[in-house]
Structure formats: structure tokens, C-alpha cells
Amino acid sequence: MTITASIVLFRNEFIASLSDGRRIEQSDLRQMADGLHRAGILPNDVQFEWSGSAGQRMITAGQQVALRAELRRLARNKVNGLAIAA
């Protein structure tokens, strides 16, 4: 079963709610990508949300592209279940 992530930016903190009930919170975009990768989230299984509620900020197009690019990079660096040292 595919796990999806819904991401919001709330007070400079990226918060991902996963479809399996888990939640990941990171202030750094690369750390968020790493957490999502470790949870088995693929780049196409990420959606970004913004409701305009107090404290919530819009995730820019550049941030969205950067997060997906980092997820793709992490997936490419994984070979047969072993991470390649950079």
C-alpha cells in the first residue's frame, strides 16, 4: 500500500501528515525530505496544502520543487537497500 504525505508550513516548521497516521515535523527542508524518504514516501506521493489559517504559510513553488528533487536524489542514492556514501 502506498503511503502519501500532506505537507503544510506552519510558523517556519514543515509538518507532514502521513496517510498511515504518522506525523513528521522538521524546520529544514532537507531533513523533511530525509524523514519522508525513511518513511517510504515517493516524490509523487507528496501533496502540499495551504488553508490560510493563522500561522500557516504558503509553501513556495521553489520549496515544493526542492523537496521533490531531494526525495528523488535520496531514492537514486539507494542501491539494493544500502545507501551510497557521498
Protein backbone atom coordinates (compact mmCIF):
# COMPACT_ATOMS: atom_id res chain seq x y z
CA MET A 1 0.00 0.00 0.00
CA THR A 2 1.30 3.43 -0.94
CA ILE A 3 1.78 5.91 1.89
CA THR A 4 1.08 9.53 1.00
CA ALA A 5 2.12 12.74 2.74
CA SER A 6 0.26 16.01 3.06
CA ILE A 7 2.63 18.87 3.94
CA VAL A 8 1.92 22.28 5.43
CA LEU A 9 4.25 25.07 6.58
CA PHE A 10 3.25 26.34 10.00
CA ARG A 11 5.35 29.00 11.74
CA ASN A 12 8.54 28.06 9.86
CA GLU A 13 8.04 24.34 10.57
CA PHE A 14 7.26 21.82 7.82
CA ILE A 15 4.64 19.37 9.07
CA ALA A 16 3.86 16.20 7.12
CA SER A 17 0.78 14.17 7.96
CA LEU A 18 1.18 10.67 6.56
CA SER A 19 -1.74 8.56 5.37
CA ASP A 20 -0.79 5.84 7.88
CA GLY A 21 -1.31 8.26 10.80
CA ARG A 22 2.30 9.22 11.45
CA ARG A 23 3.46 12.83 11.57
CA ILE A 24 6.88 14.29 10.72
CA GLU A 25 7.93 17.79 11.79
CA GLN A 26 11.13 19.48 10.58
CA SER A 27 12.26 23.07 10.20
CA ASP A 28 14.76 22.18 7.45
CA LEU A 29 13.56 21.12 4.00
CA ARG A 30 16.34 18.55 3.51
CA GLN A 31 15.67 17.00 6.90
CA MET A 32 11.99 16.79 5.96
CA ALA A 33 12.91 15.04 2.71
CA ASP A 34 15.11 12.61 4.64
CA GLY A 35 12.30 11.86 7.09
CA LEU A 36 9.83 11.31 4.28
CA HIS A 37 12.30 9.07 2.44
CA ARG A 38 12.87 6.98 5.56
CA ALA A 39 9.09 6.63 5.90
CA GLY A 40 8.90 5.27 2.34
CA ILE A 41 7.29 8.32 0.73
CA LEU A 42 7.95 8.73 -3.00
CA PRO A 43 8.16 12.17 -4.69
CA ASN A 44 4.82 11.73 -6.47
CA ASP A 45 3.09 10.76 -3.21
CA VAL A 46 3.55 14.23 -1.68
CA GLN A 47 0.92 16.95 -1.76
CA PHE A 48 1.21 20.47 -0.39
CA GLU A 49 -1.64 22.20 1.36
CA TRP A 50 -2.45 25.73 2.38
CA SER A 51 -5.69 26.82 4.01
CA GLY A 52 -4.70 30.34 5.02
CA SER A 53 -5.29 29.71 8.71
CA ALA A 54 -3.46 31.80 11.31
CA GLY A 55 0.24 30.93 11.46
CA GLN A 56 0.18 28.84 8.31
CA ARG A 57 2.41 29.97 5.45
CA MET A 58 2.24 29.06 1.79
CA ILE A 59 4.90 26.62 0.60
CA THR A 60 6.51 28.25 -2.43
CA ALA A 61 6.85 26.52 -5.79
CA GLY A 62 10.62 26.55 -5.29
CA GLN A 63 10.31 24.77 -1.94
CA GLN A 64 7.99 22.19 -3.49
CA VAL A 65 10.43 21.50 -6.33
CA ALA A 66 13.39 21.36 -3.92
CA LEU A 67 11.66 18.82 -1.65
CA ARG A 68 10.71 16.54 -4.53
CA ALA A 69 14.19 16.86 -6.06
CA GLU A 70 15.78 15.86 -2.74
CA LEU A 71 13.43 12.87 -2.45
CA ARG A 72 14.47 11.79 -5.97
CA ARG A 73 18.15 12.22 -5.11
CA LEU A 74 17.76 10.12 -1.97
CA ALA A 75 15.97 7.39 -3.96
CA ARG A 76 18.74 7.35 -6.61
CA ASN A 77 21.45 7.01 -3.96
CA LYS A 78 19.87 3.87 -2.59
CA VAL A 79 21.10 0.65 -4.22
CA ASN A 80 19.79 -2.76 -3.15
CA GLY A 81 18.65 -1.35 0.18
CA LEU A 82 22.06 0.15 1.03
CA ALA A 83 22.72 3.88 0.99
CA ILE A 84 25.73 5.04 -1.00
CA ALA A 85 28.14 7.26 0.92
CA ALA A 86 28.52 10.65 -0.70
